[in-house]
Protein backbone atom coordinates (compact mmCIF):
# COMPACT_ATOMS: atom_id res chain seq x y z
CA MET A 1 -32.09 13.13 7.51
CA SER A 2 -31.56 13.06 11.29
CA GLY A 3 -29.28 15.51 13.03
CA GLU A 4 -26.80 12.76 13.82
CA ALA A 5 -26.69 11.64 10.17
CA GLN A 6 -26.21 15.25 9.06
CA LYS A 7 -23.27 15.65 11.44
CA GLY A 8 -21.74 12.45 10.10
CA LEU A 9 -22.10 13.66 6.51
CA GLU A 10 -20.45 16.98 7.35
CA ARG A 11 -17.57 15.16 9.03
CA THR A 12 -17.03 13.06 5.91
CA LYS A 13 -17.06 16.16 3.71
CA GLU A 14 -14.52 17.90 5.96
CA ILE A 15 -12.17 14.94 5.65
CA GLU A 16 -12.58 14.94 1.88
CA ARG A 17 -11.92 18.70 1.67
CA SER A 18 -8.72 18.27 3.66
CA ILE A 19 -7.35 15.96 0.96
CA ILE A 20 -8.00 18.44 -1.84
CA LYS A 21 -7.04 21.59 0.08
CA LYS A 22 -4.72 21.29 3.08
CA PHE A 23 -2.95 18.15 1.81
CA ARG A 24 -3.21 18.93 -1.87
CA LYS A 25 0.55 19.17 -2.50
CA ASN A 26 1.79 16.24 -0.42
CA ILE A 27 -1.07 13.79 -0.94
CA TRP A 28 -3.53 14.61 -3.71
CA CYS A 29 -1.00 15.84 -6.27
CA GLN A 30 1.36 12.94 -5.55
CA PHE A 31 -1.51 10.50 -6.02
CA THR A 32 -2.62 11.97 -9.35
CA LYS A 33 1.02 12.22 -10.48
CA ALA A 34 1.55 8.49 -9.89
CA VAL A 35 -1.71 7.61 -11.66
CA ARG A 36 -0.66 9.71 -14.62
CA GLU A 37 3.09 8.99 -14.74
CA TYR A 38 2.76 5.21 -14.38
CA GLU A 39 -0.48 4.95 -16.41
CA LEU A 40 -2.24 3.11 -13.60
CA ILE A 41 -5.83 3.60 -14.75
CA GLN A 42 -7.41 3.20 -18.18
CA ASP A 43 -10.98 3.73 -19.34
CA GLY A 44 -13.09 0.67 -18.64
CA ASP A 45 -11.06 -0.52 -15.66
CA LYS A 46 -12.83 -2.10 -12.71
CA ILE A 47 -10.52 -1.70 -9.74
CA ALA A 48 -10.68 -3.56 -6.44
CA VAL A 49 -9.40 -1.03 -3.91
CA CYS A 50 -8.05 -3.38 -1.24
CA ILE A 51 -8.73 -2.10 2.26
CA SER A 52 -6.89 -3.69 5.17
CA GLY A 53 -8.27 -1.18 7.65
CA GLY A 54 -4.98 0.65 8.17
CA LYS A 55 -4.36 4.33 7.51
CA ASP A 56 -2.77 3.82 4.07
CA SER A 57 -5.53 1.73 2.50
CA MET A 58 -8.29 3.91 3.96
CA LEU A 59 -6.68 7.06 2.58
CA MET A 60 -6.22 5.31 -0.78
CA ALA A 61 -9.96 4.59 -0.86
CA LYS A 62 -10.74 8.27 -0.30
CA LEU A 63 -8.28 9.29 -3.01
CA PHE A 64 -9.96 6.95 -5.48
CA GLN A 65 -13.35 8.38 -4.58
CA GLU A 66 -12.05 11.90 -5.22
CA LEU A 67 -10.51 10.82 -8.52
CA LYS A 68 -13.80 9.21 -9.54
CA ARG A 69 -15.61 12.41 -8.60
CA HIS A 70 -13.24 14.85 -10.32
CA GLY A 71 -11.25 12.76 -12.80
CA LYS A 72 -11.81 12.02 -16.47
CA ASN A 73 -11.29 8.26 -16.50
CA ASN A 74 -14.31 6.06 -17.01
CA PHE A 75 -13.66 3.36 -14.41
CA GLU A 76 -15.45 1.41 -11.67
CA LEU A 77 -14.46 0.86 -8.06
CA VAL A 78 -15.05 -1.93 -5.55
CA PHE A 79 -13.81 -1.34 -2.00
CA LEU A 80 -12.75 -4.88 -1.18
CA THR A 81 -12.14 -5.78 2.46
CA MET A 82 -11.01 -9.14 3.73
CA ASN A 83 -11.48 -10.20 7.35
CA PRO A 84 -8.65 -12.71 7.90
CA GLY A 85 -9.61 -13.20 11.54
CA TYR A 86 -9.44 -9.79 13.21
CA ASN A 87 -10.48 -9.60 16.84
CA GLU A 88 -13.84 -7.91 17.38
CA GLU A 89 -12.32 -4.62 18.56
CA ASN A 90 -10.24 -4.19 15.41
CA TRP A 91 -13.04 -5.34 13.11
CA GLU A 92 -15.43 -2.85 14.71
CA LEU A 93 -12.87 -0.04 14.26
CA ILE A 94 -12.55 -0.87 10.56
CA ARG A 95 -16.32 -0.70 10.06
CA GLU A 96 -16.58 2.46 12.14
CA ASN A 97 -13.88 4.20 10.09
CA ALA A 98 -15.47 3.11 6.83
CA GLY A 99 -18.72 4.69 7.99
CA THR A 100 -17.01 7.91 9.04
CA LEU A 101 -15.17 8.15 5.72
CA GLY A 102 -18.14 7.18 3.58
CA ILE A 103 -16.52 4.06 2.12
CA PRO A 104 -18.96 1.28 1.11
CA LEU A 105 -17.14 -1.96 1.95
CA THR A 106 -17.49 -5.25 0.08
CA VAL A 107 -16.47 -7.79 2.73
CA PHE A 108 -15.41 -11.43 2.60
CA GLU A 109 -14.10 -13.72 5.33
CA THR A 110 -11.03 -15.98 5.45
CA ASP A 111 -9.26 -18.03 8.12
CA ILE A 112 -5.72 -16.84 7.38
CA PHE A 113 -4.76 -15.76 10.91
CA ASN A 114 -5.66 -19.21 12.26
CA ILE A 115 -3.66 -20.90 9.50
CA VAL A 116 -0.44 -18.92 10.07
CA GLU A 117 -0.73 -18.70 13.86
CA ASP A 118 1.52 -21.69 14.52
CA ILE A 119 3.96 -21.05 11.67
CA GLU A 120 7.39 -20.32 13.13
CA SER A 121 9.31 -19.53 9.95
CA SER A 122 8.31 -16.29 8.13
CA PRO A 123 4.64 -16.09 9.24
CA CYS A 124 4.35 -12.53 7.90
CA TYR A 125 5.57 -13.60 4.45
CA LEU A 126 3.09 -16.48 4.30
CA CYS A 127 0.25 -14.28 5.56
CA ALA A 128 0.98 -11.62 2.93
CA ARG A 129 1.13 -14.22 0.13
CA MET A 130 -2.16 -15.78 1.18
CA ARG A 131 -3.91 -12.44 1.56
CA ARG A 132 -2.73 -11.34 -1.88
CA GLY A 133 -4.03 -14.56 -3.43
CA TYR A 134 -7.44 -14.24 -1.80
CA LEU A 135 -7.71 -10.60 -2.89
CA TYR A 136 -6.88 -11.45 -6.50
CA SER A 137 -9.34 -14.34 -6.50
CA HIS A 138 -12.28 -12.38 -5.07
CA ALA A 139 -11.52 -9.33 -7.19
CA LYS A 140 -11.60 -11.47 -10.32
CA GLU A 141 -14.89 -13.05 -9.25
CA LEU A 142 -16.32 -9.52 -8.96
CA GLY A 143 -15.25 -8.74 -12.53
CA CYS A 144 -12.27 -6.56 -11.61
CA ASN A 145 -9.18 -6.41 -13.79
CA LYS A 146 -6.98 -4.63 -11.23
CA ILE A 147 -6.33 -4.63 -7.51
CA ALA A 148 -4.95 -1.51 -5.82
CA LEU A 149 -2.71 -1.75 -2.75
CA GLY A 150 -1.79 1.09 -0.41
CA HIS A 151 2.01 0.87 -0.47
CA HIS A 152 3.56 4.33 -0.23
CA PHE A 153 6.92 6.01 -0.93
CA ASP A 154 8.48 4.82 2.33
CA ASP A 155 7.58 1.21 1.51
CA VAL A 156 9.35 1.61 -1.82
CA ILE A 157 12.65 2.92 -0.46
CA GLU A 158 12.60 0.45 2.44
CA THR A 159 12.30 -2.36 -0.11
CA ILE A 160 15.28 -1.00 -2.06
CA LEU A 161 17.47 -0.99 1.06
CA MET A 162 16.28 -4.43 2.21
CA GLY A 163 17.15 -5.86 -1.18
CA MET A 164 20.64 -4.38 -1.07
CA LEU A 165 21.50 -5.08 2.57
CA TYR A 166 19.80 -8.45 3.06
CA GLY A 167 19.25 -9.78 -0.46
CA GLY A 168 22.41 -8.69 -2.22
CA GLN A 169 20.36 -7.30 -5.10
CA ILE A 170 18.91 -4.08 -6.41
CA GLU A 171 15.15 -4.14 -6.88
CA THR A 172 12.04 -2.43 -5.58
CA MET A 173 8.25 -2.54 -5.46
CA MET A 174 6.97 -1.69 -8.92
CA PRO A 175 4.13 0.82 -9.40
CA LYS A 176 2.22 -1.83 -11.34
CA LEU A 177 2.59 -5.51 -12.13
CA HIS A 178 0.87 -8.19 -14.21
CA SER A 179 -0.31 -11.08 -12.05
CA LEU A 180 1.52 -14.33 -12.76
CA ASN A 181 -1.25 -16.53 -11.33
CA PHE A 182 -4.43 -14.66 -12.31
CA GLU A 183 -4.59 -14.08 -16.04
CA GLY A 184 -5.70 -10.62 -17.09
CA MET A 185 -5.25 -9.15 -13.60
CA GLN A 186 -2.88 -6.35 -12.63
CA LEU A 187 -1.70 -4.92 -9.31
CA ILE A 188 -1.34 -1.13 -9.04
CA ARG A 189 0.15 1.06 -6.30
CA PRO A 190 -1.28 4.57 -6.70
CA MET A 191 0.21 5.87 -3.40
CA TYR A 192 3.69 5.17 -4.76
CA LEU A 193 4.86 8.79 -4.43
CA ILE A 194 3.14 9.70 -1.15
CA LYS A 195 5.37 9.84 1.93
CA GLU A 196 4.21 8.15 5.11
CA GLU A 197 4.68 11.35 7.12
CA ALA A 198 2.01 13.00 4.94
CA VAL A 199 -0.40 10.12 5.62
CA ARG A 200 0.22 10.42 9.36
CA ALA A 201 -0.32 14.18 9.21
CA TRP A 202 -3.65 13.67 7.41
CA CYS A 203 -4.77 11.21 10.09
CA SER A 204 -3.75 13.54 12.91
CA TYR A 205 -5.37 16.60 11.32
CA ASN A 206 -8.70 14.78 10.99
CA GLY A 207 -8.51 13.02 14.36
CA LEU A 208 -8.60 9.58 12.77
CA ARG A 209 -7.36 6.36 14.40
CA PHE A 210 -6.81 3.20 12.36
CA ILE A 211 -5.70 -0.36 13.11
CA GLN A 212 -2.07 -1.35 12.71
CA CYS A 213 -1.28 -4.82 11.31
CA ALA A 214 -3.73 -6.35 13.84
CA CYS A 215 -2.54 -9.94 13.37
CA ARG A 216 -1.99 -12.14 16.43
CA PHE A 217 1.80 -12.14 15.97
CA THR A 218 1.84 -8.34 16.10
CA GLU A 219 -0.45 -8.33 19.14
CA GLN A 220 1.99 -10.65 20.94
CA CYS A 221 4.89 -8.32 20.14
CA ALA A 222 2.92 -5.32 21.36
CA ASP A 223 2.19 -7.13 24.64
CA GLY A 224 5.83 -7.94 25.18
CA VAL A 225 5.34 -11.67 24.58
CA GLY A 226 7.16 -11.72 21.26
CA GLU A 227 10.30 -9.99 20.03
CA LYS A 228 10.24 -7.46 17.21
CA THR A 229 12.48 -8.76 14.43
CA SER A 230 11.06 -7.14 11.31
CA LYS A 231 13.69 -6.21 8.74
CA ARG A 232 11.32 -3.52 7.50
CA ASP A 233 11.32 -1.95 10.96
CA GLU A 234 15.11 -1.95 10.81
CA MET A 235 14.97 -0.14 7.47
CA LYS A 236 12.52 2.44 8.87
CA GLU A 237 14.97 3.21 11.65
CA LEU A 238 17.93 3.35 9.26
CA ILE A 239 16.09 5.76 6.95
CA ARG A 240 15.11 7.88 9.95
CA GLN A 241 18.79 8.20 10.83
CA LEU A 242 19.79 8.96 7.23
CA ARG A 243 17.06 11.59 7.01
CA GLY A 244 18.72 13.37 9.92
CA MET A 245 21.98 13.54 7.95
CA SER A 246 20.52 14.94 4.72
CA ASP A 247 17.07 15.75 3.37
CA VAL A 248 17.98 14.46 -0.11
CA ILE A 249 18.86 10.89 0.88
CA GLU A 250 15.32 9.49 0.72
CA ARG A 251 14.75 10.89 -2.76
CA ASN A 252 18.15 9.67 -3.94
CA ILE A 253 17.42 6.12 -2.72
CA PHE A 254 14.24 6.24 -4.80
CA ASN A 255 16.03 7.74 -7.81
CA SER A 256 18.74 5.06 -7.66
CA VAL A 257 16.36 2.54 -9.23
CA LYS A 258 15.25 5.05 -11.87
CA ASN A 259 18.73 6.05 -13.01
CA VAL A 260 20.43 2.66 -13.43
CA ASN A 261 23.47 2.97 -15.71
CA LEU A 262 23.94 -0.45 -17.31
CA ASN A 263 27.43 0.56 -18.47
CA LYS A 264 28.56 0.93 -14.87
CA ILE A 265 27.32 -2.27 -13.21
CA ILE A 266 28.93 -5.69 -13.07
CA GLY A 267 25.82 -7.67 -13.86
CA TYR A 268 22.05 -7.65 -14.01
CA LYS A 269 19.09 -9.96 -14.60
CA LYS A 270 16.29 -9.56 -17.11
CA ASP A 271 13.44 -12.05 -17.60
CA GLY A 272 15.34 -14.58 -15.49
CA GLN A 273 18.44 -14.34 -17.66
CA ALA A 274 21.71 -13.22 -16.05
CA HIS A 275 23.90 -10.73 -17.92
CA HIS A 276 27.54 -9.85 -17.13
CA PHE A 277 29.60 -6.85 -18.18
CA LEU A 278 32.15 -9.20 -19.76
CA ASP A 279 29.50 -10.41 -22.21
CA THR A 280 29.95 -7.20 -24.22
CA TYR A 281 33.39 -6.11 -23.02
CA GLU A 282 35.99 -5.70 -25.74
């Protein structure tokens, strides 16, 4: 092994050690807790770990590698990466980071960015739907029964607030879901309990730089051509303000969808069927 290769291997090992040691409480333990509490992995699973190239999905890949190395579950991993039309700079950064982290990518190409480029109404929603469909399809072709996405704790509580403030409903991202369009497939979110600040701290500690969204719409916003209108960005700012008022608010937003008291709500929906408190009121 050359000196350069040896240095690269040592760098990878240092990054891996940081997950188990320095960030054990805020990252590793929260990851294993979610896997255990929500029963995300079973023996015999073949999981497509979906890597967008951002910090969350790259960390998720490393966490799965550590779990495979130290865990008891008999499961397989495929590190599935879709190139929806990244510019060369971003695509090179993704491959460079995968090499640094020791993540063997399984890559496929799509034309999603070109397709949604001229869409004026909800381009991000359409892009996300299309990407999800492609990931399910390719994962199934590879013999996987699950896809893993890198949504974290902040994504969960932002979704709760968006549903309440803009959707007039109480719901959230679930830690796992059965696919409605791909029979036998499930989606899992093993970073469900990990806070974004912990992910950022891990990146900073290891001197890692990852791509952001990297779509053309985002690039236009960053260049001042477009205008930032993301409701999720609004929720991030709102939560930042609430965090300054009390350090329990984030956790209580999360707990609000765990501690639903059906005796104290006006109505709810289950399996598409609406229920009203008057249905059982006497």
